[in-house]
Amino acid sequence: MSRIQRIFAWGLFSLVLLVLSGWLLADHLTPRAFGVPSHALPLRAAQTELDREIAPLVARHGGQTGIILVPDGLDAFAARALSARKAGRSLDLQYYIWHNDPTGRLLAHEAWKAAERGVRVRILLDDLNTQGDDTDLLAFDAHPNIEIRVYNPFRNRSGPLRVLELVQRFFSVNHRMHNKAWIADGRVAVLGGRNIGQEYFDASTKTNFRDLDVVLFGPKVVQASAIFDAFWNSEAALPISALGDASPEELASAIARAKAEAQGDSAKRYYRRMEASETVRGYFRGELAPHWSHRIEVASDPPLKWKQDDRSGWLVNKLAAQIFGAKREALLISPYFVPGETLASRLVDLVRKDVAVGVVTNSLAANDVPAVHAGYASYRGQLLDGGVELYELRAQGSGEIHGLFGSSGASLHTKAFVIDGTGGFIGSFNLDPRSAYLNTEMGVLFEDGDIARALREEYLFLAGPALSYEVSRDEAGELCWLDRSKDPPLVLHKEPQTTFLQRATARAIGWLPIESQL
């Protein structure tokens, strides 16, 4: 055996040993939770401004839950910022990603100001995306009214050791909390697909996501609070203070930077844009009209999903029951769409039963994860031949989309579906194996014709000629893309707006046995 072969063999052996040790000892290697349990604070009739605003509304609508769909990024930021400003009791915030960027820091500052007023602030973040942010997180956590916990955390906070831990604990680190929730005073909950970051709030100069949140008012907010408490008090959530520390000078500097940025010219310009929104103006004029319904449910996976043998409580089962129960129409929106053989076959079966099935997802050019597109691409032919309609969002739209996204870039991030014009779902769940079996997810299920009509309109808007290509087959039976913004439609025979290297890369990734991880 040559020297190079021996080095390779020892390297491979070491890698296998490292991963095997992580698999066998995962529970011992994972930091243990020891945060003091806490729960949502009880509602009061008129303790806070939100109590006084929302409790009478709920009473006038017979105890139903109010819901507003929020597709606009500025309005989504406003829903969070304004509810934080009006909160007088509690803020419970749960996110997969909270970027340390301008809008992320602005919303963190809104939470800080609430804490300064005496509001209890609990923030639960998935730890996969917190690298490099510990000092800022610890600075906020040092406030007596703020506690920050991280989900399924790394022991090593940065550098090569964090990468090594990622390899060693791959089987346990691979399970992440993808939930998104912003809950104020137990009265208002903002749920849906958005993380915290400028690309989610129409503030990026490069690419902005087309996404969808719902704002809930009333009784079903209690369900969102109960889900938050379950995650907050689970053994997967660890106080950030248990994982590191920072000097008093570093903490003071981090807070000073956040305050200065919130008072800077850039922040003022963004807040002026927010205040100019017709939705925000309508709110202050008292003109917003939520839809009220008894048929809304906030649902989530359990916090320790990957450790449970009983899968009956997993969110995927509730969503599958709705989709596969379709009688007339199933319209699906998923930015990361990797159906797998089971879902692909079941969707084709629905078509055979005269159910109209349509899917809107990202094109290769719009997808920020090429591996996911590779996983989806292998099922396009099967779905098309089975009668499923496929629409792929452009990376760059014509005319009107330029203004909608605030930049030339566009990418789909909405995760929703509507069934038979009567029911559906809006939340964090992608139609892919990762959402089904690896990550925890949450969202809003509904059986209400008015909500379904609004969501169906959003689907048709996304699938429309200005935003999406229709995937089809040409006369030779090969895949093609119809640009329906042209008259007559322009037939494209290669993945639109992509280079040869992008297409070749996606094709090569598609050969790898990684579908279960997508």
Protein backbone atom coordinates (compact mmCIF):
# COMPACT_ATOMS: atom_id res chain seq x y z
CA MET A 1 0.00 0.00 0.00
CA SER A 2 1.42 3.37 -1.00
CA ARG A 3 1.92 6.25 1.43
CA ILE A 4 -0.96 8.18 -0.17
CA GLN A 5 -3.24 5.16 0.15
CA ARG A 6 -2.32 4.76 3.82
CA ILE A 7 -3.04 8.43 4.51
CA PHE A 8 -6.40 8.16 2.74
CA ALA A 9 -7.28 4.96 4.61
CA TRP A 10 -6.42 6.48 7.99
CA GLY A 11 -8.33 9.64 7.12
CA LEU A 12 -11.41 7.65 6.13
CA PHE A 13 -11.13 5.51 9.26
CA SER A 14 -10.87 8.61 11.45
CA LEU A 15 -13.90 10.20 9.80
CA VAL A 16 -16.00 7.05 10.22
CA LEU A 17 -14.88 6.75 13.85
CA LEU A 18 -15.73 10.40 14.48
CA VAL A 19 -19.24 10.10 13.02
CA LEU A 20 -19.84 6.74 14.71
CA SER A 21 -18.85 8.14 18.11
CA GLY A 22 -21.28 11.01 17.62
CA TRP A 23 -24.07 8.61 16.68
CA LEU A 24 -23.48 6.36 19.69
CA LEU A 25 -22.86 9.16 22.19
CA ALA A 26 -25.06 11.94 20.82
CA ASP A 27 -27.11 12.38 23.98
CA HIS A 28 -23.94 12.61 26.07
CA LEU A 29 -22.23 15.04 23.71
CA THR A 30 -25.20 17.39 23.43
CA PRO A 31 -25.29 20.21 26.02
CA ARG A 32 -27.98 19.53 28.60
CA ALA A 33 -30.81 21.95 29.27
CA PHE A 34 -31.06 23.44 32.72
CA GLY A 35 -33.06 26.63 32.15
CA VAL A 36 -35.66 27.42 34.78
CA PRO A 37 -39.10 26.44 33.41
CA SER A 38 -41.44 29.29 32.57
CA HIS A 39 -44.79 29.61 30.84
CA ALA A 40 -46.97 32.11 29.01
CA LEU A 41 -48.25 34.80 31.34
CA PRO A 42 -51.99 34.74 32.01
CA LEU A 43 -54.21 37.07 29.98
CA ARG A 44 -55.76 40.07 31.66
CA ALA A 45 -58.90 41.88 30.57
CA ALA A 46 -57.36 45.33 30.26
CA GLN A 47 -53.81 45.21 31.63
CA THR A 48 -52.02 46.27 28.45
CA GLU A 49 -52.74 48.28 25.34
CA LEU A 50 -53.10 45.06 23.34
CA ASP A 51 -55.54 43.69 25.93
CA ARG A 52 -57.67 46.80 25.64
CA GLU A 53 -57.53 46.77 21.86
CA ILE A 54 -58.12 43.08 21.15
CA ALA A 55 -60.27 41.70 23.99
CA PRO A 56 -63.34 43.82 23.02
CA LEU A 57 -62.89 42.84 19.35
CA VAL A 58 -62.88 39.14 20.23
CA ALA A 59 -65.94 39.59 22.45
CA ARG A 60 -67.81 41.33 19.62
CA HIS A 61 -67.07 38.38 17.31
CA GLY A 62 -68.33 35.66 19.60
CA GLY A 63 -64.92 34.40 20.72
CA GLN A 64 -63.73 33.65 17.22
CA THR A 65 -60.11 34.12 16.13
CA GLY A 66 -59.25 36.97 13.78
CA ILE A 67 -56.81 36.38 10.94
CA ILE A 68 -55.06 38.64 8.42
CA LEU A 69 -52.87 37.31 5.59
CA VAL A 70 -49.65 39.29 5.16
CA PRO A 71 -47.79 38.73 1.86
CA ASP A 72 -46.01 42.11 1.88
CA GLY A 73 -42.57 42.28 3.51
CA LEU A 74 -42.92 45.81 4.89
CA ASP A 75 -46.27 44.95 6.43
CA ALA A 76 -44.74 41.80 7.93
CA PHE A 77 -42.04 43.89 9.60
CA ALA A 78 -44.69 46.35 10.80
CA ALA A 79 -46.80 43.58 12.35
CA ARG A 80 -43.82 42.57 14.49
CA ALA A 81 -42.55 46.05 15.31
CA LEU A 82 -45.94 47.55 16.16
CA SER A 83 -47.03 44.60 18.30
CA ALA A 84 -43.72 44.85 20.21
CA ARG A 85 -44.32 48.58 20.78
CA LYS A 86 -47.82 47.93 22.13
CA ALA A 87 -46.88 44.91 24.25
CA GLY A 88 -47.11 45.49 27.97
CA ARG A 89 -46.77 41.99 29.39
CA SER A 90 -44.76 39.56 27.26
CA LEU A 91 -43.00 38.88 23.98
CA ASP A 92 -42.36 35.23 23.03
CA LEU A 93 -40.26 35.00 19.87
CA GLN A 94 -39.25 31.72 18.19
CA TYR A 95 -37.18 31.58 14.98
CA TYR A 96 -35.03 29.32 12.84
CA ILE A 97 -33.01 32.32 11.56
CA TRP A 98 -32.57 35.75 13.11
CA HIS A 99 -30.01 37.51 10.96
CA ASN A 100 -27.67 40.02 12.55
CA ASP A 101 -28.45 42.51 9.78
CA PRO A 102 -30.22 45.90 9.72
CA THR A 103 -33.82 44.65 10.05
CA GLY A 104 -32.78 41.89 12.43
CA ARG A 105 -31.12 44.44 14.69
CA LEU A 106 -34.10 46.81 14.42
CA LEU A 107 -36.50 44.13 15.62
CA ALA A 108 -34.06 43.13 18.36
CA HIS A 109 -34.07 46.79 19.43
CA GLU A 110 -37.88 46.81 19.47
CA ALA A 111 -37.75 43.82 21.83
CA TRP A 112 -35.12 45.61 23.93
CA LYS A 113 -37.32 48.70 24.26
CA ALA A 114 -40.22 46.49 25.35
CA ALA A 115 -38.00 44.92 28.01
CA GLU A 116 -37.03 48.41 29.20
CA ARG A 117 -40.75 49.04 29.81
CA GLY A 118 -40.95 45.90 31.97
CA VAL A 119 -42.14 43.43 29.34
CA ARG A 120 -40.87 39.87 29.80
CA VAL A 121 -39.07 38.85 26.61
CA ARG A 122 -38.27 35.21 25.79
CA ILE A 123 -36.38 34.50 22.56
CA LEU A 124 -35.80 30.94 21.30
CA LEU A 125 -33.45 30.54 18.32
CA ASP A 126 -32.27 27.53 16.42
CA ASP A 127 -28.53 27.37 17.06
CA LEU A 128 -27.47 26.39 13.54
CA ASN A 129 -27.52 30.01 12.40
CA THR A 130 -26.21 31.85 15.48
CA GLN A 131 -22.49 31.46 14.72
CA GLY A 132 -20.60 34.67 15.39
CA ASP A 133 -23.53 36.33 17.19
CA ASP A 134 -22.91 35.16 20.76
CA THR A 135 -21.69 38.54 22.06
CA ASP A 136 -24.78 40.36 20.78
CA LEU A 137 -27.07 37.60 22.06
CA LEU A 138 -25.40 37.62 25.46
CA ALA A 139 -25.73 41.42 25.59
CA PHE A 140 -29.48 41.22 25.15
CA ASP A 141 -29.73 38.20 27.43
CA ALA A 142 -28.02 40.21 30.18
CA HIS A 143 -31.09 42.46 30.43
CA PRO A 144 -33.10 41.37 33.51
CA ASN A 145 -36.29 41.11 31.44
CA ILE A 146 -34.81 39.19 28.49
CA GLU A 147 -33.87 35.53 28.29
CA ILE A 148 -32.48 33.89 25.16
CA ARG A 149 -32.32 30.13 24.64
CA VAL A 150 -30.91 28.18 21.72
CA TYR A 151 -32.30 24.96 20.29
CA ASN A 152 -30.10 21.87 19.88
CA PRO A 153 -26.96 23.93 20.48
CA PHE A 154 -23.31 23.39 19.62
CA ARG A 155 -20.84 23.10 22.51
CA ASN A 156 -18.20 24.78 20.35
CA ARG A 157 -19.36 28.24 19.41
CA SER A 158 -17.04 29.07 16.50
CA GLY A 159 -14.05 28.08 14.40
CA PRO A 160 -12.77 24.66 13.33
CA LEU A 161 -14.02 22.94 16.49
CA ARG A 162 -17.59 23.87 15.58
CA VAL A 163 -17.11 22.29 12.15
CA LEU A 164 -15.61 19.21 13.79
CA GLU A 165 -18.59 18.98 16.13
CA LEU A 166 -20.94 19.31 13.15
CA VAL A 167 -19.32 16.23 11.62
CA GLN A 168 -19.20 14.27 14.86
CA ARG A 169 -22.76 15.02 15.92
CA PHE A 170 -24.18 14.92 12.41
CA PHE A 171 -27.07 12.61 13.29
CA SER A 172 -28.26 14.79 16.18
CA VAL A 173 -27.24 18.22 14.84
CA ASN A 174 -29.13 17.43 11.63
CA HIS A 175 -32.44 17.99 13.45
CA ARG A 176 -33.34 21.67 13.56
CA MET A 177 -36.18 23.89 14.79
CA HIS A 178 -37.71 25.53 11.71
CA ASN A 179 -40.63 27.12 13.61
CA LYS A 180 -41.46 30.81 13.26
CA ALA A 181 -43.59 32.68 15.81
CA TRP A 182 -43.87 36.23 17.18
CA ILE A 183 -46.34 36.40 20.08
CA ALA A 184 -47.19 39.63 21.93
CA ASP A 185 -49.04 39.63 25.27
CA GLY A 186 -50.65 36.30 24.34
CA ARG A 187 -53.05 38.40 22.25
CA VAL A 188 -51.33 38.65 18.85
CA ALA A 189 -49.37 35.96 17.01
CA VAL A 190 -47.47 36.45 13.74
CA LEU A 191 -46.90 33.01 12.20
CA GLY A 192 -45.91 31.75 8.78
CA GLY A 193 -42.88 31.39 6.57
CA ARG A 194 -40.70 34.39 7.44
CA ASN A 195 -37.50 34.30 9.40
CA ILE A 196 -35.99 37.56 10.68
CA GLY A 197 -33.74 39.27 8.13
CA GLN A 198 -33.78 41.99 5.50
CA GLU A 199 -34.58 39.65 2.58
CA TYR A 200 -37.85 38.74 4.35
CA PHE A 201 -38.90 42.36 4.92
CA ASP A 202 -38.36 43.99 1.51
CA ALA A 203 -35.13 45.60 2.70
CA SER A 204 -32.52 43.79 0.61
CA THR A 205 -30.94 45.46 -2.41
CA LYS A 206 -30.21 42.04 -3.98
CA THR A 207 -32.95 39.46 -3.45
CA ASN A 208 -36.23 39.64 -1.56
CA PHE A 209 -38.43 36.68 -0.78
CA ARG A 210 -42.07 36.43 -1.73
CA ASP A 211 -43.42 35.05 1.53
CA LEU A 212 -46.63 34.80 3.52
CA ASP A 213 -47.42 35.34 7.21
CA VAL A 214 -50.68 35.32 9.10
CA VAL A 215 -51.51 37.58 12.02
CA LEU A 216 -53.86 35.98 14.54
CA PHE A 217 -55.93 37.75 17.20
CA GLY A 218 -57.93 35.95 19.85
CA PRO A 219 -58.37 32.47 21.33
CA LYS A 220 -56.11 30.48 18.97
CA VAL A 221 -53.13 32.60 19.98
CA VAL A 222 -53.20 30.47 23.13
CA GLN A 223 -52.27 27.46 20.98
CA ALA A 224 -49.24 29.31 19.64
CA SER A 225 -48.21 30.20 23.21
CA ALA A 226 -48.55 26.57 24.32
CA ILE A 227 -46.32 25.46 21.42
CA PHE A 228 -43.74 28.07 22.39
CA ASP A 229 -43.79 26.89 26.01
CA ALA A 230 -43.31 23.25 24.97
CA PHE A 231 -40.18 24.15 23.00
CA TRP A 232 -38.90 26.64 25.58
CA ASN A 233 -39.10 24.10 28.40
CA SER A 234 -37.86 21.12 26.39
CA GLU A 235 -34.47 19.51 26.95
CA ALA A 236 -33.44 20.73 23.48
CA ALA A 237 -33.48 24.41 24.58
CA LEU A 238 -30.45 25.73 26.49
CA PRO A 239 -29.88 29.25 27.88
CA ILE A 240 -27.33 31.10 25.77
CA SER A 241 -25.66 32.19 29.02
CA ALA A 242 -24.69 28.56 29.69
CA LEU A 243 -22.64 28.38 26.52
CA GLY A 244 -20.37 31.39 26.78
CA ASP A 245 -19.74 34.78 28.28
CA ALA A 246 -18.62 38.25 27.31
CA SER A 247 -16.95 41.11 29.14
CA PRO A 248 -19.03 44.02 30.48
CA GLU A 249 -17.34 46.24 27.91
CA GLU A 250 -18.33 43.93 25.04
CA LEU A 251 -21.92 43.78 26.26
CA ALA A 252 -22.17 47.55 26.62
CA SER A 253 -20.67 48.05 23.16
CA ALA A 254 -23.17 45.64 21.57
CA ILE A 255 -26.14 47.45 23.09
CA ALA A 256 -24.72 50.85 22.14
CA ARG A 257 -24.33 49.72 18.51
CA ALA A 258 -27.94 48.52 18.39
CA LYS A 259 -29.26 51.79 19.81
CA ALA A 260 -27.13 53.90 17.45
CA GLU A 261 -28.25 51.92 14.42
CA ALA A 262 -31.92 52.23 15.38
CA GLN A 263 -31.50 56.02 15.44
CA GLY A 264 -29.46 56.21 12.24
CA ASP A 265 -30.52 57.59 8.86
CA SER A 266 -30.89 54.15 7.25
CA ALA A 267 -33.25 52.96 9.98
CA LYS A 268 -35.27 56.17 9.76
CA ARG A 269 -35.67 55.75 6.01
CA TYR A 270 -36.88 52.18 6.47
CA TYR A 271 -39.33 53.17 9.21
CA ARG A 272 -40.68 55.92 6.94
CA ARG A 273 -41.27 53.32 4.23
CA MET A 274 -43.09 51.15 6.78
CA GLU A 275 -45.25 54.03 7.99
CA ALA A 276 -46.17 54.91 4.40
CA SER A 277 -47.65 51.45 3.83
CA GLU A 278 -51.38 51.59 3.14
CA THR A 279 -51.86 48.63 5.47
CA VAL A 280 -50.07 50.39 8.32
CA ARG A 281 -51.98 53.61 7.69
CA GLY A 282 -55.20 51.64 7.63
CA TYR A 283 -54.33 50.07 10.96
CA PHE A 284 -53.82 53.43 12.63
CA ARG A 285 -57.09 54.68 11.10
CA GLY A 286 -58.87 51.65 12.54
CA GLU A 287 -59.78 50.38 9.08
CA LEU A 288 -58.19 46.91 9.12
CA ALA A 289 -60.82 44.19 9.06
CA PRO A 290 -59.57 40.76 10.11
CA HIS A 291 -61.55 37.74 8.99
CA TRP A 292 -63.06 35.98 12.01
CA SER A 293 -63.39 32.22 12.22
CA HIS A 294 -63.85 29.29 14.60
CA ARG A 295 -62.18 26.92 12.16
CA ILE A 296 -58.51 27.76 12.71
CA GLU A 297 -55.86 25.62 14.40
CA VAL A 298 -52.24 26.41 15.23
CA ALA A 299 -50.29 23.15 14.95
CA SER A 300 -46.67 22.09 15.37
CA ASP A 301 -44.34 19.15 15.54
CA PRO A 302 -43.22 18.11 19.05
CA PRO A 303 -39.99 19.72 20.30
CA LEU A 304 -38.06 16.44 20.41
CA LYS A 305 -39.44 15.10 17.15
CA TRP A 306 -36.43 12.98 16.24
CA LYS A 307 -36.44 11.17 19.60
CA GLN A 308 -40.06 10.04 19.41
CA ASP A 309 -41.02 6.62 18.13
CA ASP A 310 -44.68 7.63 18.00
CA ARG A 311 -45.14 9.76 14.88
CA SER A 312 -48.87 10.24 15.26
CA GLY A 313 -48.44 13.80 16.52
CA TRP A 314 -46.16 14.91 13.71
CA LEU A 315 -47.39 17.80 11.59
CA VAL A 316 -46.77 15.90 8.33
CA ASN A 317 -49.67 13.57 9.15
CA LYS A 318 -52.17 16.41 9.51
CA LEU A 319 -51.01 18.03 6.28
CA ALA A 320 -51.06 14.75 4.36
CA ALA A 321 -54.63 14.08 5.50
CA GLN A 322 -55.74 17.43 4.06
CA ILE A 323 -53.86 17.15 0.77
CA PHE A 324 -54.73 13.53 0.03
CA GLY A 325 -58.34 14.15 1.03
CA ALA A 326 -58.80 16.60 -1.86
CA LYS A 327 -61.92 16.02 -3.96
CA ARG A 328 -61.69 18.78 -6.58
CA GLU A 329 -58.50 20.82 -6.31
CA ALA A 330 -55.14 20.82 -4.54
CA LEU A 331 -52.96 23.91 -5.05
CA LEU A 332 -49.53 23.71 -3.40
CA ILE A 333 -46.90 26.41 -2.81
CA SER A 334 -43.48 25.23 -1.67
CA PRO A 335 -40.15 26.97 -2.35
CA TYR A 336 -38.27 23.75 -1.61
CA PHE A 337 -40.31 21.03 -3.29
CA VAL A 338 -38.82 17.53 -3.14
CA PRO A 339 -41.88 15.26 -3.31
CA GLY A 340 -40.14 11.89 -3.17
CA GLU A 341 -41.72 8.87 -4.74
CA THR A 342 -44.58 8.69 -2.25
CA LEU A 343 -45.86 12.27 -2.59
CA ALA A 344 -45.28 12.32 -6.35
CA SER A 345 -47.31 9.13 -6.79
CA ARG A 346 -50.08 10.33 -4.49
CA LEU A 347 -50.40 13.62 -6.39
CA VAL A 348 -50.66 11.74 -9.67
CA ASP A 349 -53.29 9.49 -8.07
CA LEU A 350 -55.31 12.58 -7.19
CA VAL A 351 -55.23 13.67 -10.84
CA ARG A 352 -56.52 10.23 -11.85
CA LYS A 353 -59.46 10.90 -9.53
CA ASP A 354 -60.22 14.13 -11.45
CA VAL A 355 -58.61 16.38 -8.84
CA ALA A 356 -56.85 19.42 -10.34
CA VAL A 357 -53.34 19.50 -8.84
CA GLY A 358 -50.96 22.44 -9.21
CA VAL A 359 -47.59 23.27 -7.68
CA VAL A 360 -45.70 26.58 -7.53
CA THR A 361 -42.03 26.31 -6.60
CA ASN A 362 -38.74 28.03 -7.39
CA SER A 363 -36.98 27.74 -10.72
CA LEU A 364 -33.33 26.74 -10.68
CA ALA A 365 -32.38 30.40 -11.15
CA ALA A 366 -34.56 31.48 -8.20
CA ASN A 367 -33.66 28.63 -5.85
CA ASP A 368 -31.01 29.52 -3.26
CA VAL A 369 -30.30 25.81 -2.60
CA PRO A 370 -29.30 24.05 -5.87
CA ALA A 371 -29.35 20.65 -4.17
CA VAL A 372 -33.06 21.07 -3.43
CA HIS A 373 -33.76 21.93 -7.05
CA ALA A 374 -31.82 18.82 -8.10
CA GLY A 375 -34.04 16.73 -5.82
CA TYR A 376 -37.18 18.26 -7.32
CA ALA A 377 -36.02 18.07 -10.95
CA SER A 378 -35.92 14.28 -10.93
CA TYR A 379 -39.70 14.18 -10.37
CA ARG A 380 -40.77 16.81 -12.91
CA GLY A 381 -41.33 14.36 -15.73
CA GLN A 382 -43.36 11.97 -13.59
CA LEU A 383 -45.55 14.77 -12.27
CA LEU A 384 -46.12 16.39 -15.67
CA ASP A 385 -46.93 13.07 -17.33
CA GLY A 386 -49.37 12.38 -14.50
CA GLY A 387 -51.24 15.63 -15.15
CA VAL A 388 -49.84 17.79 -12.32
CA GLU A 389 -49.40 21.45 -13.33
CA LEU A 390 -45.98 22.85 -12.47
CA TYR A 391 -45.04 26.53 -12.21
CA GLU A 392 -41.55 27.80 -11.42
CA LEU A 393 -41.00 31.30 -10.07
CA ARG A 394 -38.70 33.54 -12.08
CA ALA A 395 -35.51 34.80 -10.50
CA GLN A 396 -36.28 38.14 -12.12
CA GLY A 397 -39.75 39.16 -13.14
CA SER A 398 -41.12 41.39 -15.82
CA GLY A 399 -42.40 44.91 -15.21
CA GLU A 400 -44.59 44.78 -12.17
CA ILE A 401 -42.61 42.26 -10.17
CA HIS A 402 -39.64 44.63 -10.01
CA GLY A 403 -41.64 46.92 -7.77
CA LEU A 404 -43.21 44.12 -5.77
CA PHE A 405 -39.89 42.76 -4.58
CA GLY A 406 -38.05 46.06 -4.27
CA SER A 407 -35.13 44.73 -6.35
CA SER A 408 -34.43 42.82 -9.53
CA GLY A 409 -34.08 39.57 -7.59
CA ALA A 410 -37.00 37.42 -6.55
CA SER A 411 -37.27 34.11 -4.76
CA LEU A 412 -40.26 32.19 -3.43
CA HIS A 413 -40.37 31.45 0.31
CA THR A 414 -44.12 30.95 0.89
CA LYS A 415 -45.13 27.55 2.27
CA ALA A 416 -48.85 26.95 1.94
CA PHE A 417 -51.57 24.98 0.22
CA VAL A 418 -55.30 25.31 -0.39
CA ILE A 419 -57.62 22.33 -0.85
CA ASP A 420 -61.02 22.34 -2.61
CA GLY A 421 -61.40 26.06 -2.00
CA THR A 422 -62.38 25.36 1.60
CA GLY A 423 -59.30 24.49 3.66
CA GLY A 424 -55.56 24.66 3.75
CA PHE A 425 -52.36 25.54 5.56
CA ILE A 426 -49.92 28.45 5.92
CA GLY A 427 -46.69 27.99 7.83
CA SER A 428 -43.07 26.89 7.82
CA PHE A 429 -43.51 23.42 6.27
CA ASN A 430 -41.82 22.76 2.92
CA LEU A 431 -43.00 19.77 0.90
CA ASP A 432 -39.72 17.95 1.28
CA PRO A 433 -38.21 15.16 3.42
CA ARG A 434 -36.44 17.59 5.75
CA SER A 435 -39.68 19.26 6.86
CA ALA A 436 -41.45 15.91 7.08
CA TYR A 437 -38.90 13.95 9.09
CA LEU A 438 -35.93 16.03 10.29
CA ASN A 439 -36.93 19.58 11.25
CA THR A 440 -39.71 20.71 13.55
CA GLU A 441 -42.34 22.81 11.77
CA MET A 442 -45.46 24.79 12.65
CA GLY A 443 -48.26 26.74 11.03
CA VAL A 444 -51.96 27.47 10.75
CA LEU A 445 -54.49 24.93 9.49
CA PHE A 446 -57.93 26.20 8.51
CA GLU A 447 -61.30 25.05 7.19
CA ASP A 448 -62.79 28.34 6.07
CA GLY A 449 -63.94 29.36 2.62
CA ASP A 450 -62.95 33.04 2.92
CA ILE A 451 -59.39 32.24 4.00
CA ALA A 452 -59.18 29.61 1.27
CA ARG A 453 -60.29 32.11 -1.38
CA ALA A 454 -57.61 34.60 -0.29
CA LEU A 455 -54.93 31.93 -0.35
CA ARG A 456 -56.13 30.64 -3.73
CA GLU A 457 -55.76 34.17 -5.11
CA GLU A 458 -52.18 34.23 -3.80
CA TYR A 459 -51.49 30.92 -5.55
CA LEU A 460 -52.90 32.19 -8.85
CA PHE A 461 -50.88 35.39 -8.50
CA LEU A 462 -47.66 33.42 -7.96
CA ALA A 463 -48.45 31.04 -10.82
CA GLY A 464 -49.33 33.92 -13.15
CA PRO A 465 -47.36 34.81 -16.30
CA ALA A 466 -45.61 37.83 -14.74
CA LEU A 467 -44.05 35.79 -11.97
CA SER A 468 -43.69 32.19 -13.12
CA TYR A 469 -42.82 29.93 -16.03
CA GLU A 470 -45.13 27.04 -16.78
CA VAL A 471 -43.26 23.76 -17.13
CA SER A 472 -44.44 21.64 -20.04
CA ARG A 473 -43.22 19.28 -22.77
CA ASP A 474 -42.38 20.31 -26.32
CA GLU A 475 -43.37 18.49 -29.52
CA ALA A 476 -40.44 16.11 -29.10
CA GLY A 477 -41.55 15.24 -25.58
CA GLU A 478 -38.68 17.13 -23.92
CA LEU A 479 -39.13 19.42 -20.93
CA CYS A 480 -39.65 23.07 -21.79
CA TRP A 481 -40.63 26.28 -20.03
CA LEU A 482 -43.37 28.59 -21.28
CA ASP A 483 -42.81 32.30 -20.79
CA ARG A 484 -46.47 33.32 -20.85
CA SER A 485 -45.65 37.00 -20.42
CA LYS A 486 -44.97 36.98 -24.18
CA ASP A 487 -47.68 36.85 -26.83
CA PRO A 488 -47.57 34.21 -28.13
CA PRO A 489 -45.83 32.40 -25.23
CA LEU A 490 -42.10 31.95 -25.71
CA VAL A 491 -40.95 28.33 -25.51
CA LEU A 492 -37.62 27.89 -23.69
CA HIS A 493 -35.78 24.59 -23.99
CA LYS A 494 -33.28 25.11 -21.16
CA GLU A 495 -33.75 26.05 -17.52
CA PRO A 496 -34.53 29.79 -17.82
CA GLN A 497 -32.01 32.42 -16.72
CA THR A 498 -29.31 29.88 -15.91
CA THR A 499 -25.80 29.19 -17.12
CA PHE A 500 -24.40 25.90 -18.33
CA LEU A 501 -22.44 25.61 -15.07
CA GLN A 502 -25.58 26.05 -12.95
CA ARG A 503 -27.42 23.38 -14.92
CA ALA A 504 -24.48 21.00 -14.86
CA THR A 505 -23.99 21.48 -11.12
CA ALA A 506 -27.66 20.78 -10.37
CA ARG A 507 -27.57 17.71 -12.59
CA ALA A 508 -24.45 16.37 -10.88
CA ILE A 509 -25.91 16.97 -7.41
CA GLY A 510 -28.98 15.02 -8.52
CA TRP A 511 -26.83 11.90 -8.83
CA LEU A 512 -25.92 11.98 -5.13
CA PRO A 513 -27.93 9.85 -2.62
CA ILE A 514 -28.93 12.83 -0.47
CA GLU A 515 -32.67 13.15 -1.08
CA SER A 516 -33.55 12.26 2.52
CA GLN A 517 -31.56 15.28 3.72
CA LEU A 518 -33.21 17.83 1.41
